[in-house]
Amino acid sequence: MKIKVFSAAWCSQCEGMKQTLSNMGLEFDVIDIDSEEGSALAQQHRVRSLPTVIIDYKDTTTVVVGAKNKAFVKDLINELEG
């Protein structure tokens, strides 16, 4: 499972989402949209809101927009691993 979190230093909801994923023991890459590379990746993935989490698992890409709680993330991962 590959998880990418599109984030920015000024985004408090992004920090909350990253903390939720960390507390669940999930590994993820943070893409800072304020960097040149991060901005290009955000455009490529059509990121319009923060935080945006992209989960690649097997042949499926799931996009989650907005901060979500632990229960939501747990249910989503269980569904993907189903």
C-alpha atoms as a PDB file:
ATOM      1  CA  MET A   1       0.000   0.000   0.000  1.00  0.00           C
ATOM      2  CA  LYS A   2       1.431   3.358  -1.047  1.00  0.00           C
ATOM      3  CA  ILE A   3      -0.014   6.454   0.654  1.00  0.00           C
ATOM      4  CA  LYS A   4       0.705  10.041  -0.417  1.00  0.00           C
ATOM      5  CA  VAL A   5      -0.506  13.049   1.555  1.00  0.00           C
ATOM      6  CA  PHE A   6      -0.634  16.351  -0.296  1.00  0.00           C
ATOM      7  CA  SER A   7      -0.045  18.975   2.351  1.00  0.00           C
ATOM      8  CA  ALA A   8       1.255  22.454   3.153  1.00  0.00           C
ATOM      9  CA  ALA A   9       2.935  23.856   6.259  1.00  0.00           C
ATOM     10  CA  TRP A  10       0.113  26.385   6.749  1.00  0.00           C
ATOM     11  CA  CYS A  11      -2.645  23.710   6.607  1.00  0.00           C
ATOM     12  CA  SER A  12      -3.766  22.721  10.114  1.00  0.00           C
ATOM     13  CA  GLN A  13      -6.114  20.009   8.813  1.00  0.00           C
ATOM     14  CA  CYS A  14      -3.137  18.495   6.955  1.00  0.00           C
ATOM     15  CA  GLU A  15      -1.253  18.203  10.226  1.00  0.00           C
ATOM     16  CA  GLY A  16      -4.239  16.470  11.805  1.00  0.00           C
ATOM     17  CA  MET A  17      -4.493  14.005   8.923  1.00  0.00           C
ATOM     18  CA  LYS A  18      -0.779  13.201   9.069  1.00  0.00           C
ATOM     19  CA  GLN A  19      -1.038  12.687  12.840  1.00  0.00           C
ATOM     20  CA  THR A  20      -3.974  10.303  12.372  1.00  0.00           C
ATOM     21  CA  LEU A  21      -2.050   8.226   9.830  1.00  0.00           C
ATOM     22  CA  SER A  22       1.052   8.217  12.060  1.00  0.00           C
ATOM     23  CA  ASN A  23      -0.944   7.159  15.120  1.00  0.00           C
ATOM     24  CA  MET A  24      -2.328   4.249  13.093  1.00  0.00           C
ATOM     25  CA  GLY A  25       1.204   3.137  12.258  1.00  0.00           C
ATOM     26  CA  LEU A  26       0.761   3.776   8.542  1.00  0.00           C
ATOM     27  CA  GLU A  27       3.701   4.822   6.414  1.00  0.00           C
ATOM     28  CA  PHE A  28       3.120   7.668   3.985  1.00  0.00           C
ATOM     29  CA  ASP A  29       4.918  10.188   1.837  1.00  0.00           C
ATOM     30  CA  VAL A  30       4.224  13.884   2.375  1.00  0.00           C
ATOM     31  CA  ILE A  31       4.030  16.005  -0.759  1.00  0.00           C
ATOM     32  CA  ASP A  32       4.526  19.696   0.096  1.00  0.00           C
ATOM     33  CA  ILE A  33       2.485  21.600  -2.485  1.00  0.00           C
ATOM     34  CA  ASP A  34       4.462  24.756  -1.748  1.00  0.00           C
ATOM     35  CA  SER A  35       7.605  23.196  -3.239  1.00  0.00           C
ATOM     36  CA  GLU A  36       8.245  23.202  -6.979  1.00  0.00           C
ATOM     37  CA  GLU A  37       8.155  19.396  -7.204  1.00  0.00           C
ATOM     38  CA  GLY A  38       5.107  19.145  -4.926  1.00  0.00           C
ATOM     39  CA  SER A  39       3.241  21.761  -6.929  1.00  0.00           C
ATOM     40  CA  ALA A  40       3.892  19.838 -10.141  1.00  0.00           C
ATOM     41  CA  LEU A  41       2.706  16.579  -8.549  1.00  0.00           C
ATOM     42  CA  ALA A  42      -0.408  18.296  -7.208  1.00  0.00           C
ATOM     43  CA  GLN A  43      -1.227  19.550 -10.705  1.00  0.00           C
ATOM     44  CA  GLN A  44      -0.574  16.097 -12.166  1.00  0.00           C
ATOM     45  CA  HIS A  45      -2.960  14.510  -9.641  1.00  0.00           C
ATOM     46  CA  ARG A  46      -5.470  17.385  -9.942  1.00  0.00           C
ATOM     47  CA  VAL A  47      -5.305  18.214  -6.244  1.00  0.00           C
ATOM     48  CA  ARG A  48      -7.707  21.073  -5.504  1.00  0.00           C
ATOM     49  CA  SER A  49      -8.136  20.863  -1.708  1.00  0.00           C
ATOM     50  CA  LEU A  50      -5.958  20.045   1.265  1.00  0.00           C
ATOM     51  CA  PRO A  51      -5.341  17.613   2.662  1.00  0.00           C
ATOM     52  CA  THR A  52      -5.671  15.191  -0.231  1.00  0.00           C
ATOM     53  CA  VAL A  53      -4.634  11.602   0.421  1.00  0.00           C
ATOM     54  CA  ILE A  54      -3.978   9.233  -2.460  1.00  0.00           C
ATOM     55  CA  ILE A  55      -3.832   5.525  -1.671  1.00  0.00           C
ATOM     56  CA  ASP A  56      -2.500   3.138  -4.286  1.00  0.00           C
ATOM     57  CA  TYR A  57      -3.253  -0.478  -3.441  1.00  0.00           C
ATOM     58  CA  LYS A  58      -3.022  -3.332  -5.904  1.00  0.00           C
ATOM     59  CA  ASP A  59      -4.693  -1.998  -9.067  1.00  0.00           C
ATOM     60  CA  THR A  60      -6.797   0.632  -7.303  1.00  0.00           C
ATOM     61  CA  THR A  61      -6.198   4.314  -6.639  1.00  0.00           C
ATOM     62  CA  THR A  62      -8.369   5.894  -3.948  1.00  0.00           C
ATOM     63  CA  VAL A  63      -8.491   9.643  -3.394  1.00  0.00           C
ATOM     64  CA  VAL A  64      -9.630  11.062  -0.050  1.00  0.00           C
ATOM     65  CA  VAL A  65     -10.176  14.811   0.206  1.00  0.00           C
ATOM     66  CA  GLY A  66     -10.261  16.529   3.577  1.00  0.00           C
ATOM     67  CA  ALA A  67      -9.160  15.472   7.041  1.00  0.00           C
ATOM     68  CA  LYS A  68     -10.689  12.193   8.189  1.00  0.00           C
ATOM     69  CA  ASN A  69     -10.767  10.496  11.563  1.00  0.00           C
ATOM     70  CA  LYS A  70      -9.193   7.186  12.544  1.00  0.00           C
ATOM     71  CA  ALA A  71     -12.460   5.240  12.158  1.00  0.00           C
ATOM     72  CA  PHE A  72     -12.892   6.462   8.573  1.00  0.00           C
ATOM     73  CA  VAL A  73      -9.324   5.569   7.618  1.00  0.00           C
ATOM     74  CA  LYS A  74      -9.542   2.166   9.318  1.00  0.00           C
ATOM     75  CA  ASP A  75     -12.802   1.327   7.509  1.00  0.00           C
ATOM     76  CA  LEU A  76     -11.355   2.480   4.175  1.00  0.00           C
ATOM     77  CA  ILE A  77      -8.220   0.366   4.553  1.00  0.00           C
ATOM     78  CA  ASN A  78     -10.268  -2.666   5.611  1.00  0.00           C
ATOM     79  CA  GLU A  79     -12.438  -2.179   2.539  1.00  0.00           C
ATOM     80  CA  LEU A  80      -9.400  -1.891   0.239  1.00  0.00           C
ATOM     81  CA  GLU A  81      -7.753  -4.979   1.743  1.00  0.00           C
ATOM     82  CA  GLY A  82     -11.132  -6.777   1.777  1.00  0.00           C
END
